[in-house]
Amino acid sequence: MYTSTHQMPLFPGTGAVNETGEHNNIVNAPLTAGDDGTQFREALDYAILPRIREFSPDLIIISAGFDAHERDPLGGLRLTELDFAWATRKLIEIADDCCEGRVVSLLEGGYDLEGLARSAAAHVMTLMDY
C-alpha cells in the first residue's frame, strides 16, 4: 500500500484521488495551495490513517518530505513542524498496533533550511519519544 498527501496540481501532476492503482492499494489525499494543518490532519484522519490501519502493514515506511512546510519556497502548503510531529505520532500508533512498532523513516524534500531543520527535528524527536 502507498498513501500520500501532497499539493495538487504540482509537478509531476500525478496523485489524484481517483488514482488508486490496479489493486486499489494507492490512497491519494491531495491538498490545495494555501491548505494548512487543518486540511492536512483531516486528510490523514479521514482518507489515509483508516486505510493504513485496515491494511495492517508488517512495516511502515515514512517518506518524510517537509516541502509542505509554510516556509518552503517551492510549494504552497502551510504546514508547521507541529503538523509533522502529529502525523508521525499517528503513524507510530498504527505501527504499535499492527506491526510491533516497526517504522523506517527516510528524509525526502524540504527546501527552506530553517523549515526543514525544525520539521525534521520535530519528526525525529517524536520518533524518539516512542
Foldseek 3Di string as FASTA:
>chain_A
DEEDEEEPPDPPRDQDQPPQDPVSPYGGDYDYQPAELVSVVVCCVPTNLVVCLVVLDQAAEAADAQCLDCPRPRTRHHYALVSLLVVLLSVQVSCVVRHVSHYHYDYDHDDDVVRVVSNVVSNVVSSVVD
